[in-house]
Amino acid sequence: MRRLIVESPTAEVAKFLGVESALEKVESFEIISLLREEPEEWAIVCKAKMKEPSFKFTDALSDKLAEIQHLQTEKDGSQIYFIKRKPNHVVSSVFMAGGYFSLPLQIQGERMKASFTGTSQQIKHILGTISKLGLAYRVISVADARFSPTSPLGILTEKQRKVLTTAFNLGYYDIPKKTSNNEIAKKLNIKEPTCVRHRVKAEKRLLTALLSESL
């Protein structure tokens, strides 16, 4: 997998999305966790700090299509929110190009930074999609996606990681699926039951690690 990080002017992105007045009131914004990332629904936990402490991010957003819940306020005045809604046309366009949003996703002053993960071909399509949308951007980095030893992926065996990443690269987790367990097994030169066993164990380990952190 590859990881792409791009940066764009906040004002231009805001104008493109039609939220200039809202982002004018935001000092900083960061997505802390991507809870759900599908073409039909987008769910995140985010942190926003307003230029005026008395002003709430929900007042700036004013999005009737979104489900927004205030979770807590930090000591520095930053507000933590849960937001769920149908992706806007920019996010939908990226989904159609393939690949996934990843962290960091943030706004700091006049610059907005976004990250994507996918195969080399998907990353190429994402860059093409951003260009077609007419958004100005600069590529900060494109590199192999690497995970720290403390990452949930670090708890997988080498075989489990290989099956899981191959399944991802071949489109097993796309909607609709672009491959099958049999095709993944052939790609890795292993038997289909072995492939399924490694994939299911990998998924279970990742879910166990992620869910245990929220309990």
C-alpha atoms as a PDB file:
ATOM      1  CA  MET A   1       0.000   0.000   0.000  1.00  0.00           C
ATOM      2  CA  ARG A   2       1.004   3.612  -0.576  1.00  0.00           C
ATOM      3  CA  ARG A   3       0.324   6.692   1.526  1.00  0.00           C
ATOM      4  CA  LEU A   4      -0.223  10.105  -0.035  1.00  0.00           C
ATOM      5  CA  ILE A   5      -0.286  13.429   1.836  1.00  0.00           C
ATOM      6  CA  VAL A   6      -1.386  16.599   0.031  1.00  0.00           C
ATOM      7  CA  GLU A   7      -1.826  20.193   1.158  1.00  0.00           C
ATOM      8  CA  SER A   8      -4.218  22.852  -0.166  1.00  0.00           C
ATOM      9  CA  PRO A   9      -5.114  26.451   0.749  1.00  0.00           C
ATOM     10  CA  THR A  10      -7.895  26.344   3.351  1.00  0.00           C
ATOM     11  CA  ALA A  11      -9.701  29.292   1.760  1.00  0.00           C
ATOM     12  CA  GLU A  12      -9.822  27.609  -1.650  1.00  0.00           C
ATOM     13  CA  VAL A  13     -11.139  24.327  -0.236  1.00  0.00           C
ATOM     14  CA  ALA A  14     -13.731  26.249   1.795  1.00  0.00           C
ATOM     15  CA  LYS A  15     -14.866  28.176  -1.292  1.00  0.00           C
ATOM     16  CA  PHE A  16     -15.042  24.972  -3.335  1.00  0.00           C
ATOM     17  CA  LEU A  17     -17.247  23.340  -0.672  1.00  0.00           C
ATOM     18  CA  GLY A  18     -19.313  26.472  -0.059  1.00  0.00           C
ATOM     19  CA  VAL A  19     -18.360  26.776   3.624  1.00  0.00           C
ATOM     20  CA  GLU A  20     -16.291  29.965   3.564  1.00  0.00           C
ATOM     21  CA  SER A  21     -18.249  31.677   6.355  1.00  0.00           C
ATOM     22  CA  ALA A  22     -17.962  28.614   8.588  1.00  0.00           C
ATOM     23  CA  LEU A  23     -14.202  28.086   8.225  1.00  0.00           C
ATOM     24  CA  GLU A  24     -13.517  31.785   8.768  1.00  0.00           C
ATOM     25  CA  LYS A  25     -14.489  31.164  12.402  1.00  0.00           C
ATOM     26  CA  VAL A  26     -12.283  28.063  12.787  1.00  0.00           C
ATOM     27  CA  GLU A  27      -8.755  28.392  14.149  1.00  0.00           C
ATOM     28  CA  SER A  28      -7.908  24.699  13.753  1.00  0.00           C
ATOM     29  CA  PHE A  29      -9.672  21.464  12.868  1.00  0.00           C
ATOM     30  CA  GLU A  30      -8.490  17.864  13.048  1.00  0.00           C
ATOM     31  CA  ILE A  31     -10.117  14.488  12.463  1.00  0.00           C
ATOM     32  CA  ILE A  32      -9.080  12.331  15.409  1.00  0.00           C
ATOM     33  CA  SER A  33     -10.689   9.088  14.284  1.00  0.00           C
ATOM     34  CA  LEU A  34     -12.291   7.778  11.082  1.00  0.00           C
ATOM     35  CA  LEU A  35     -15.080   5.570  12.428  1.00  0.00           C
ATOM     36  CA  ARG A  36     -16.836   4.808   9.157  1.00  0.00           C
ATOM     37  CA  GLU A  37     -15.687   5.530   5.628  1.00  0.00           C
ATOM     38  CA  GLU A  38     -18.159   4.311   3.033  1.00  0.00           C
ATOM     39  CA  PRO A  39     -19.694   5.860  -0.110  1.00  0.00           C
ATOM     40  CA  GLU A  40     -23.077   6.063   1.637  1.00  0.00           C
ATOM     41  CA  GLU A  41     -21.927   7.266   5.051  1.00  0.00           C
ATOM     42  CA  TRP A  42     -19.011   9.097   6.672  1.00  0.00           C
ATOM     43  CA  ALA A  43     -18.562   9.041  10.482  1.00  0.00           C
ATOM     44  CA  ILE A  44     -15.737  10.783  12.343  1.00  0.00           C
ATOM     45  CA  VAL A  45     -14.592  12.066  15.711  1.00  0.00           C
ATOM     46  CA  CYS A  46     -13.015  15.486  15.293  1.00  0.00           C
ATOM     47  CA  LYS A  47     -11.499  18.312  17.306  1.00  0.00           C
ATOM     48  CA  ALA A  48     -12.192  21.942  16.462  1.00  0.00           C
ATOM     49  CA  LYS A  49     -10.890  25.134  18.035  1.00  0.00           C
ATOM     50  CA  MET A  50     -12.717  28.353  17.278  1.00  0.00           C
ATOM     51  CA  LYS A  51     -11.231  31.840  17.002  1.00  0.00           C
ATOM     52  CA  GLU A  52     -13.872  33.036  19.452  1.00  0.00           C
ATOM     53  CA  PRO A  53     -14.003  30.714  22.518  1.00  0.00           C
ATOM     54  CA  SER A  54     -17.714  31.356  23.030  1.00  0.00           C
ATOM     55  CA  PHE A  55     -18.510  30.260  19.482  1.00  0.00           C
ATOM     56  CA  LYS A  56     -19.406  26.596  18.922  1.00  0.00           C
ATOM     57  CA  PHE A  57     -18.307  24.558  15.925  1.00  0.00           C
ATOM     58  CA  THR A  58     -21.919  23.403  15.458  1.00  0.00           C
ATOM     59  CA  ASP A  59     -22.949  27.042  14.961  1.00  0.00           C
ATOM     60  CA  ALA A  60     -20.318  27.406  12.243  1.00  0.00           C
ATOM     61  CA  LEU A  61     -21.149  24.118  10.526  1.00  0.00           C
ATOM     62  CA  SER A  62     -24.937  24.565  10.342  1.00  0.00           C
ATOM     63  CA  ASP A  63     -25.348  21.272   8.478  1.00  0.00           C
ATOM     64  CA  LYS A  64     -28.907  19.958   8.568  1.00  0.00           C
ATOM     65  CA  LEU A  65     -27.897  16.737   6.805  1.00  0.00           C
ATOM     66  CA  ALA A  66     -25.407  15.755   9.486  1.00  0.00           C
ATOM     67  CA  GLU A  67     -25.827  14.072  12.856  1.00  0.00           C
ATOM     68  CA  ILE A  68     -23.602  16.040  15.231  1.00  0.00           C
ATOM     69  CA  GLN A  69     -22.946  15.324  18.891  1.00  0.00           C
ATOM     70  CA  HIS A  70     -20.742  17.389  21.202  1.00  0.00           C
ATOM     71  CA  LEU A  71     -18.600  14.977  23.239  1.00  0.00           C
ATOM     72  CA  GLN A  72     -16.434  17.226  25.400  1.00  0.00           C
ATOM     73  CA  THR A  73     -14.506  20.484  25.672  1.00  0.00           C
ATOM     74  CA  GLU A  74     -10.735  20.393  26.203  1.00  0.00           C
ATOM     75  CA  LYS A  75      -8.827  22.635  28.626  1.00  0.00           C
ATOM     76  CA  ASP A  76      -7.537  24.759  25.738  1.00  0.00           C
ATOM     77  CA  GLY A  77     -11.094  25.376  24.555  1.00  0.00           C
ATOM     78  CA  SER A  78     -11.028  22.830  21.715  1.00  0.00           C
ATOM     79  CA  GLN A  79     -14.325  21.022  21.206  1.00  0.00           C
ATOM     80  CA  ILE A  80     -14.603  17.295  20.461  1.00  0.00           C
ATOM     81  CA  TYR A  81     -17.479  16.204  18.209  1.00  0.00           C
ATOM     82  CA  PHE A  82     -18.934  13.084  16.660  1.00  0.00           C
ATOM     83  CA  ILE A  83     -20.205  13.765  13.132  1.00  0.00           C
ATOM     84  CA  LYS A  84     -22.040  11.420  10.792  1.00  0.00           C
ATOM     85  CA  ARG A  85     -23.397  12.309   7.373  1.00  0.00           C
ATOM     86  CA  LYS A  86     -23.498  11.352   3.712  1.00  0.00           C
ATOM     87  CA  PRO A  87     -20.186  12.264   2.007  1.00  0.00           C
ATOM     88  CA  ASN A  88     -20.119  15.488   0.012  1.00  0.00           C
ATOM     89  CA  HIS A  89     -19.247  15.456  -3.680  1.00  0.00           C
ATOM     90  CA  VAL A  90     -15.502  15.858  -3.039  1.00  0.00           C
ATOM     91  CA  VAL A  91     -15.333  12.870  -0.688  1.00  0.00           C
ATOM     92  CA  SER A  92     -17.572  10.847  -3.016  1.00  0.00           C
ATOM     93  CA  SER A  93     -15.281  11.621  -5.954  1.00  0.00           C
ATOM     94  CA  VAL A  94     -12.281  10.306  -4.022  1.00  0.00           C
ATOM     95  CA  PHE A  95     -14.165   7.122  -3.125  1.00  0.00           C
ATOM     96  CA  MET A  96     -14.933   6.592  -6.816  1.00  0.00           C
ATOM     97  CA  ALA A  97     -11.214   6.930  -7.582  1.00  0.00           C
ATOM     98  CA  GLY A  98     -10.454   4.151  -5.116  1.00  0.00           C
ATOM     99  CA  GLY A  99      -8.364   4.231  -1.968  1.00  0.00           C
ATOM    100  CA  TYR A 100      -9.248   5.605   1.441  1.00  0.00           C
ATOM    101  CA  PHE A 101      -8.843   8.715   3.509  1.00  0.00           C
ATOM    102  CA  SER A 102      -6.413   8.288   6.384  1.00  0.00           C
ATOM    103  CA  LEU A 103      -4.853  10.461   9.068  1.00  0.00           C
ATOM    104  CA  PRO A 104      -3.719  13.213   9.311  1.00  0.00           C
ATOM    105  CA  LEU A 105      -6.762  15.142   8.061  1.00  0.00           C
ATOM    106  CA  GLN A 106      -6.549  18.632   9.453  1.00  0.00           C
ATOM    107  CA  ILE A 107      -6.799  22.384   9.020  1.00  0.00           C
ATOM    108  CA  GLN A 108      -4.200  24.617  10.602  1.00  0.00           C
ATOM    109  CA  GLY A 109      -4.529  28.274   9.767  1.00  0.00           C
ATOM    110  CA  GLU A 110      -4.338  28.882   6.025  1.00  0.00           C
ATOM    111  CA  ARG A 111      -3.399  25.313   5.071  1.00  0.00           C
ATOM    112  CA  MET A 112      -5.432  22.116   4.890  1.00  0.00           C
ATOM    113  CA  LYS A 113      -3.680  18.744   4.926  1.00  0.00           C
ATOM    114  CA  ALA A 114      -5.267  15.482   3.750  1.00  0.00           C
ATOM    115  CA  SER A 115      -3.942  11.912   3.636  1.00  0.00           C
ATOM    116  CA  PHE A 116      -4.940   8.935   1.495  1.00  0.00           C
ATOM    117  CA  THR A 117      -4.001   5.259   1.500  1.00  0.00           C
ATOM    118  CA  GLY A 118      -4.267   2.863  -1.421  1.00  0.00           C
ATOM    119  CA  THR A 119      -2.437   1.030  -4.153  1.00  0.00           C
ATOM    120  CA  SER A 120      -0.093   2.917  -6.482  1.00  0.00           C
ATOM    121  CA  GLN A 121      -2.820   2.947  -9.135  1.00  0.00           C
ATOM    122  CA  GLN A 122      -5.435   4.209  -6.676  1.00  0.00           C
ATOM    123  CA  ILE A 123      -3.129   6.987  -5.473  1.00  0.00           C
ATOM    124  CA  LYS A 124      -2.581   8.005  -9.104  1.00  0.00           C
ATOM    125  CA  HIS A 125      -6.361   8.085  -9.659  1.00  0.00           C
ATOM    126  CA  ILE A 126      -6.889  10.151  -6.507  1.00  0.00           C
ATOM    127  CA  LEU A 127      -4.398  12.788  -7.699  1.00  0.00           C
ATOM    128  CA  GLY A 128      -6.104  12.817 -11.081  1.00  0.00           C
ATOM    129  CA  THR A 129      -9.496  13.260  -9.419  1.00  0.00           C
ATOM    130  CA  ILE A 130      -8.280  16.183  -7.291  1.00  0.00           C
ATOM    131  CA  SER A 131      -6.873  17.842 -10.418  1.00  0.00           C
ATOM    132  CA  LYS A 132     -10.133  17.327 -12.321  1.00  0.00           C
ATOM    133  CA  LEU A 133     -12.056  18.895  -9.433  1.00  0.00           C
ATOM    134  CA  GLY A 134      -9.966  22.018  -9.970  1.00  0.00           C
ATOM    135  CA  LEU A 135      -8.466  22.144  -6.483  1.00  0.00           C
ATOM    136  CA  ALA A 136      -4.984  23.594  -6.104  1.00  0.00           C
ATOM    137  CA  TYR A 137      -2.704  21.297  -4.123  1.00  0.00           C
ATOM    138  CA  ARG A 138       0.876  20.278  -3.561  1.00  0.00           C
ATOM    139  CA  VAL A 139       2.096  16.788  -2.767  1.00  0.00           C
ATOM    140  CA  ILE A 140       3.892  16.674   0.580  1.00  0.00           C
ATOM    141  CA  SER A 141       4.827  13.008   0.383  1.00  0.00           C
ATOM    142  CA  VAL A 142       4.119   9.719  -1.378  1.00  0.00           C
ATOM    143  CA  ALA A 143       5.620   6.674   0.300  1.00  0.00           C
ATOM    144  CA  ASP A 144       4.977   3.099   1.285  1.00  0.00           C
ATOM    145  CA  ALA A 145       2.473   2.957   4.123  1.00  0.00           C
ATOM    146  CA  ARG A 146       4.425   1.969   7.201  1.00  0.00           C
ATOM    147  CA  PHE A 147       2.991   1.253  10.614  1.00  0.00           C
ATOM    148  CA  SER A 148       4.651   1.560  14.003  1.00  0.00           C
ATOM    149  CA  PRO A 149       5.095  -1.481  16.256  1.00  0.00           C
ATOM    150  CA  THR A 150       2.280  -0.089  18.432  1.00  0.00           C
ATOM    151  CA  SER A 151      -0.124  -0.020  15.484  1.00  0.00           C
ATOM    152  CA  PRO A 152      -2.879  -2.684  15.478  1.00  0.00           C
ATOM    153  CA  LEU A 153      -1.284  -4.030  12.278  1.00  0.00           C
ATOM    154  CA  GLY A 154       1.780  -4.830  14.343  1.00  0.00           C
ATOM    155  CA  ILE A 155      -0.125  -7.582  16.164  1.00  0.00           C
ATOM    156  CA  LEU A 156      -0.663  -9.566  12.950  1.00  0.00           C
ATOM    157  CA  THR A 157       1.598 -12.362  11.809  1.00  0.00           C
ATOM    158  CA  GLU A 158       3.505 -11.894   8.565  1.00  0.00           C
ATOM    159  CA  LYS A 159       1.141 -14.291   6.745  1.00  0.00           C
ATOM    160  CA  GLN A 160      -1.924 -12.491   8.088  1.00  0.00           C
ATOM    161  CA  ARG A 161      -0.578  -9.095   6.995  1.00  0.00           C
ATOM    162  CA  LYS A 162       0.298 -10.476   3.556  1.00  0.00           C
ATOM    163  CA  VAL A 163      -3.183 -11.925   2.997  1.00  0.00           C
ATOM    164  CA  LEU A 164      -4.916  -8.804   4.338  1.00  0.00           C
ATOM    165  CA  THR A 165      -2.876  -6.334   2.279  1.00  0.00           C
ATOM    166  CA  THR A 166      -3.216  -8.482  -0.845  1.00  0.00           C
ATOM    167  CA  ALA A 167      -6.983  -8.638  -0.334  1.00  0.00           C
ATOM    168  CA  PHE A 168      -7.038  -4.859   0.042  1.00  0.00           C
ATOM    169  CA  ASN A 169      -4.855  -4.230  -3.017  1.00  0.00           C
ATOM    170  CA  LEU A 170      -6.958  -6.526  -5.206  1.00  0.00           C
ATOM    171  CA  GLY A 171     -10.186  -4.792  -4.181  1.00  0.00           C
ATOM    172  CA  TYR A 172     -11.685  -7.385  -1.814  1.00  0.00           C
ATOM    173  CA  TYR A 173     -12.943  -4.597   0.482  1.00  0.00           C
ATOM    174  CA  ASP A 174     -14.276  -2.399  -2.319  1.00  0.00           C
ATOM    175  CA  ILE A 175     -18.011  -1.995  -2.911  1.00  0.00           C
ATOM    176  CA  PRO A 176     -18.782  -4.055  -4.903  1.00  0.00           C
ATOM    177  CA  LYS A 177     -15.924  -6.518  -4.360  1.00  0.00           C
ATOM    178  CA  LYS A 178     -13.437  -6.729  -7.224  1.00  0.00           C
ATOM    179  CA  THR A 179     -11.923 -10.062  -6.252  1.00  0.00           C
ATOM    180  CA  SER A 180     -12.659 -13.293  -4.388  1.00  0.00           C
ATOM    181  CA  ASN A 181     -10.946 -15.454  -1.780  1.00  0.00           C
ATOM    182  CA  ASN A 182     -10.052 -17.887  -4.552  1.00  0.00           C
ATOM    183  CA  GLU A 183      -8.319 -15.176  -6.603  1.00  0.00           C
ATOM    184  CA  ILE A 184      -6.436 -13.910  -3.544  1.00  0.00           C
ATOM    185  CA  ALA A 185      -5.288 -17.468  -2.787  1.00  0.00           C
ATOM    186  CA  LYS A 186      -4.073 -17.933  -6.382  1.00  0.00           C
ATOM    187  CA  LYS A 187      -2.168 -14.643  -6.209  1.00  0.00           C
ATOM    188  CA  LEU A 188      -0.370 -15.849  -3.072  1.00  0.00           C
ATOM    189  CA  ASN A 189      -0.007 -19.421  -4.318  1.00  0.00           C
ATOM    190  CA  ILE A 190      -1.835 -20.874  -1.316  1.00  0.00           C
ATOM    191  CA  LYS A 191      -5.045 -22.863  -0.885  1.00  0.00           C
ATOM    192  CA  GLU A 192      -8.324 -20.967  -0.576  1.00  0.00           C
ATOM    193  CA  PRO A 193      -9.211 -22.334   2.925  1.00  0.00           C
ATOM    194  CA  THR A 194      -5.761 -21.247   4.151  1.00  0.00           C
ATOM    195  CA  CYS A 195      -6.279 -17.805   2.652  1.00  0.00           C
ATOM    196  CA  VAL A 196      -9.689 -17.432   4.314  1.00  0.00           C
ATOM    197  CA  ARG A 197      -8.329 -18.600   7.653  1.00  0.00           C
ATOM    198  CA  HIS A 198      -5.492 -16.037   7.640  1.00  0.00           C
ATOM    199  CA  ARG A 199      -7.808 -13.226   6.491  1.00  0.00           C
ATOM    200  CA  VAL A 200     -10.489 -13.932   9.116  1.00  0.00           C
ATOM    201  CA  LYS A 201      -7.916 -14.233  11.902  1.00  0.00           C
ATOM    202  CA  ALA A 202      -6.341 -10.947  10.815  1.00  0.00           C
ATOM    203  CA  GLU A 203      -9.693  -9.163  10.753  1.00  0.00           C
ATOM    204  CA  LYS A 204     -10.635 -10.585  14.168  1.00  0.00           C
ATOM    205  CA  ARG A 205      -7.317  -9.507  15.726  1.00  0.00           C
ATOM    206  CA  LEU A 206      -7.670  -5.990  14.347  1.00  0.00           C
ATOM    207  CA  LEU A 207     -11.283  -5.656  15.507  1.00  0.00           C
ATOM    208  CA  THR A 208     -10.422  -7.030  18.943  1.00  0.00           C
ATOM    209  CA  ALA A 209      -7.588  -4.523  19.322  1.00  0.00           C
ATOM    210  CA  LEU A 210      -9.667  -1.567  18.083  1.00  0.00           C
ATOM    211  CA  LEU A 211     -12.778  -2.396  20.121  1.00  0.00           C
ATOM    212  CA  SER A 212     -10.862  -3.084  23.304  1.00  0.00           C
ATOM    213  CA  GLU A 213      -9.453   0.453  23.166  1.00  0.00           C
ATOM    214  CA  SER A 214     -12.983   1.908  23.238  1.00  0.00           C
ATOM    215  CA  LEU A 215     -14.230  -0.192  26.174  1.00  0.00           C
END
